[in-house]
């Protein structure tokens, strides 16, 4: 069974509390349950990781080498600020899909810039939790 690492960045653990008009009322536990069900349906094994720290995310990406077949990453605010995260994705050369709950192309100007996308084979934005399911089914097809 192919293994997918799902990485969620800063403040994703605050889902349901943080700006529900943008991110919805479901919480992080709801997201994890949704991902587990979607992975089962896609015939993939998932491991989920969340951190508010850029370095911890980089470490998790590096530790994925030789263990995971794909990475789904929602770098959250680090999408627009981090060079280290896309560099880590390029270094491990594991296929990666960038996912965003909101449509960053329709948000503030600074949120429309994604440094992470250049290190990913696909970006999915604005589909809420469904974006994670779409990313899992993308991996089901390419792996």
Protein backbone atom coordinates (compact mmCIF):
# COMPACT_ATOMS: atom_id res chain seq x y z
CA UNK A 1 0.00 0.00 0.00
CA UNK A 2 1.39 3.40 -0.99
CA UNK A 3 2.11 5.77 1.90
CA UNK A 4 1.28 9.47 1.87
CA UNK A 5 2.51 12.03 4.38
CA UNK A 6 0.06 14.86 5.04
CA UNK A 7 1.70 17.98 6.47
CA UNK A 8 -0.34 20.87 7.83
CA UNK A 9 1.34 24.13 8.76
CA UNK A 10 0.72 26.91 11.24
CA UNK A 11 -2.71 27.57 12.69
CA UNK A 12 -4.35 24.61 10.93
CA UNK A 13 -4.71 23.18 14.44
CA UNK A 14 -7.01 26.16 15.15
CA UNK A 15 -9.61 25.19 12.55
CA UNK A 16 -13.14 25.84 13.75
CA UNK A 17 -11.94 28.75 15.90
CA UNK A 18 -9.85 30.75 13.45
CA UNK A 19 -11.82 32.84 10.97
CA UNK A 20 -14.68 30.36 10.44
CA UNK A 21 -16.07 32.60 7.69
CA UNK A 22 -12.97 31.68 5.66
CA UNK A 23 -11.99 28.24 6.96
CA UNK A 24 -15.33 26.83 8.12
CA UNK A 25 -16.59 25.58 11.45
CA UNK A 26 -15.10 22.09 11.39
CA UNK A 27 -12.05 21.57 13.63
CA UNK A 28 -8.68 19.92 13.11
CA UNK A 29 -9.88 16.57 14.47
CA UNK A 30 -12.65 16.68 11.85
CA UNK A 31 -10.03 17.25 9.16
CA UNK A 32 -7.95 14.30 10.35
CA UNK A 33 -11.00 12.03 10.36
CA UNK A 34 -11.92 13.24 6.86
CA UNK A 35 -8.39 12.52 5.58
CA UNK A 36 -8.41 9.02 7.14
CA UNK A 37 -11.71 8.15 5.43
CA UNK A 38 -10.59 9.59 2.07
CA UNK A 39 -7.30 7.66 2.26
CA UNK A 40 -9.14 4.42 2.99
CA UNK A 41 -11.42 5.03 -0.01
CA UNK A 42 -8.37 5.73 -2.21
CA UNK A 43 -6.53 2.65 -0.96
CA UNK A 44 -3.68 4.68 0.49
CA UNK A 45 -2.06 4.75 3.91
CA UNK A 46 -1.68 8.21 5.45
CA UNK A 47 0.28 9.72 8.26
CA UNK A 48 -0.64 13.25 9.35
CA UNK A 49 1.65 15.85 10.89
CA UNK A 50 0.94 19.43 11.97
CA UNK A 51 3.33 22.05 13.22
CA UNK A 52 3.42 25.77 13.73
CA UNK A 53 7.21 25.70 13.31
CA UNK A 54 8.91 25.98 9.95
CA UNK A 55 11.94 23.97 11.04
CA UNK A 56 9.79 21.08 12.28
CA UNK A 57 8.04 20.99 8.90
CA UNK A 58 11.39 20.92 7.09
CA UNK A 59 12.56 18.10 9.39
CA UNK A 60 9.37 16.11 8.70
CA UNK A 61 9.84 16.51 4.93
CA UNK A 62 13.47 15.36 5.18
CA UNK A 63 12.50 12.40 7.38
CA UNK A 64 9.96 11.30 4.72
CA UNK A 65 12.75 10.27 2.34
CA UNK A 66 12.64 6.54 1.71
CA UNK A 67 9.46 6.12 3.77
CA UNK A 68 6.66 7.93 1.93
CA UNK A 69 5.58 7.76 -1.71
CA UNK A 70 3.94 11.19 -1.75
CA UNK A 71 3.44 14.33 0.31
CA UNK A 72 0.33 16.45 0.66
CA UNK A 73 1.26 19.78 2.18
CA UNK A 74 -0.78 22.71 3.38
CA UNK A 75 2.02 25.05 4.36
CA UNK A 76 -0.53 27.68 5.45
CA UNK A 77 1.17 31.04 6.06
CA UNK A 78 4.56 29.53 5.17
CA UNK A 79 3.26 29.26 1.60
CA UNK A 80 3.99 32.95 1.17
CA UNK A 81 7.15 33.29 3.26
CA UNK A 82 9.20 30.11 3.33
CA UNK A 83 11.99 29.22 0.97
CA UNK A 84 13.17 26.40 3.26
CA UNK A 85 10.00 24.31 2.79
CA UNK A 86 10.09 24.19 -1.02
CA UNK A 87 13.86 23.61 -0.84
CA UNK A 88 13.22 20.59 1.41
CA UNK A 89 10.55 19.29 -0.98
CA UNK A 90 13.00 19.60 -3.88
CA UNK A 91 15.75 17.91 -1.86
CA UNK A 92 13.75 14.77 -1.09
CA UNK A 93 12.24 14.64 -4.59
CA UNK A 94 9.04 12.98 -3.38
CA UNK A 95 5.97 13.94 -5.45
CA UNK A 96 4.09 16.63 -3.54
CA UNK A 97 0.67 18.26 -3.82
CA UNK A 98 0.03 21.67 -2.26
CA UNK A 99 -3.43 22.04 -0.72
CA UNK A 100 -5.16 25.15 0.64
CA UNK A 101 -8.57 25.24 2.29
CA UNK A 102 -9.29 28.72 0.93
CA UNK A 103 -8.73 30.01 -2.58
CA UNK A 104 -5.47 31.90 -2.13
CA UNK A 105 -5.81 33.40 -5.62
CA UNK A 106 -8.80 35.40 -4.35
CA UNK A 107 -7.30 36.46 -1.01
CA UNK A 108 -5.03 39.33 -0.02
CA UNK A 109 -2.25 40.14 -2.50
CA UNK A 110 0.47 38.70 -0.27
CA UNK A 111 -1.45 35.40 0.02
CA UNK A 112 -1.54 35.01 -3.75
CA UNK A 113 2.19 34.26 -3.85
CA UNK A 114 3.13 30.63 -3.31
CA UNK A 115 6.78 29.70 -3.00
CA UNK A 116 5.74 26.11 -2.32
CA UNK A 117 3.93 25.57 -5.62
CA UNK A 118 7.14 25.46 -7.65
CA UNK A 119 8.20 22.37 -5.69
CA UNK A 120 4.84 20.62 -6.13
CA UNK A 121 3.36 18.75 -9.08
CA UNK A 122 -0.13 20.09 -8.35
CA UNK A 123 -1.85 22.81 -6.33
CA UNK A 124 -5.44 22.53 -5.08
CA UNK A 125 -7.01 25.59 -3.48
CA UNK A 126 -10.42 26.74 -2.36
CA UNK A 127 -12.08 23.35 -1.96
CA UNK A 128 -11.96 23.08 1.82
CA UNK A 129 -11.48 19.55 3.15
CA UNK A 130 -12.33 18.18 -0.31
CA UNK A 131 -8.93 19.42 -1.53
CA UNK A 132 -7.24 16.74 0.55
CA UNK A 133 -9.45 14.04 -0.98
CA UNK A 134 -8.64 15.33 -4.46
CA UNK A 135 -4.93 15.21 -3.63
CA UNK A 136 -5.22 11.63 -2.37
CA UNK A 137 -7.02 10.53 -5.54
CA UNK A 138 -4.36 12.30 -7.60
CA UNK A 139 -1.74 10.14 -5.86
CA UNK A 140 -3.88 7.05 -6.37
CA UNK A 141 -3.68 7.70 -10.12
CA UNK A 142 0.03 8.58 -10.44
CA UNK A 143 1.61 6.12 -8.00
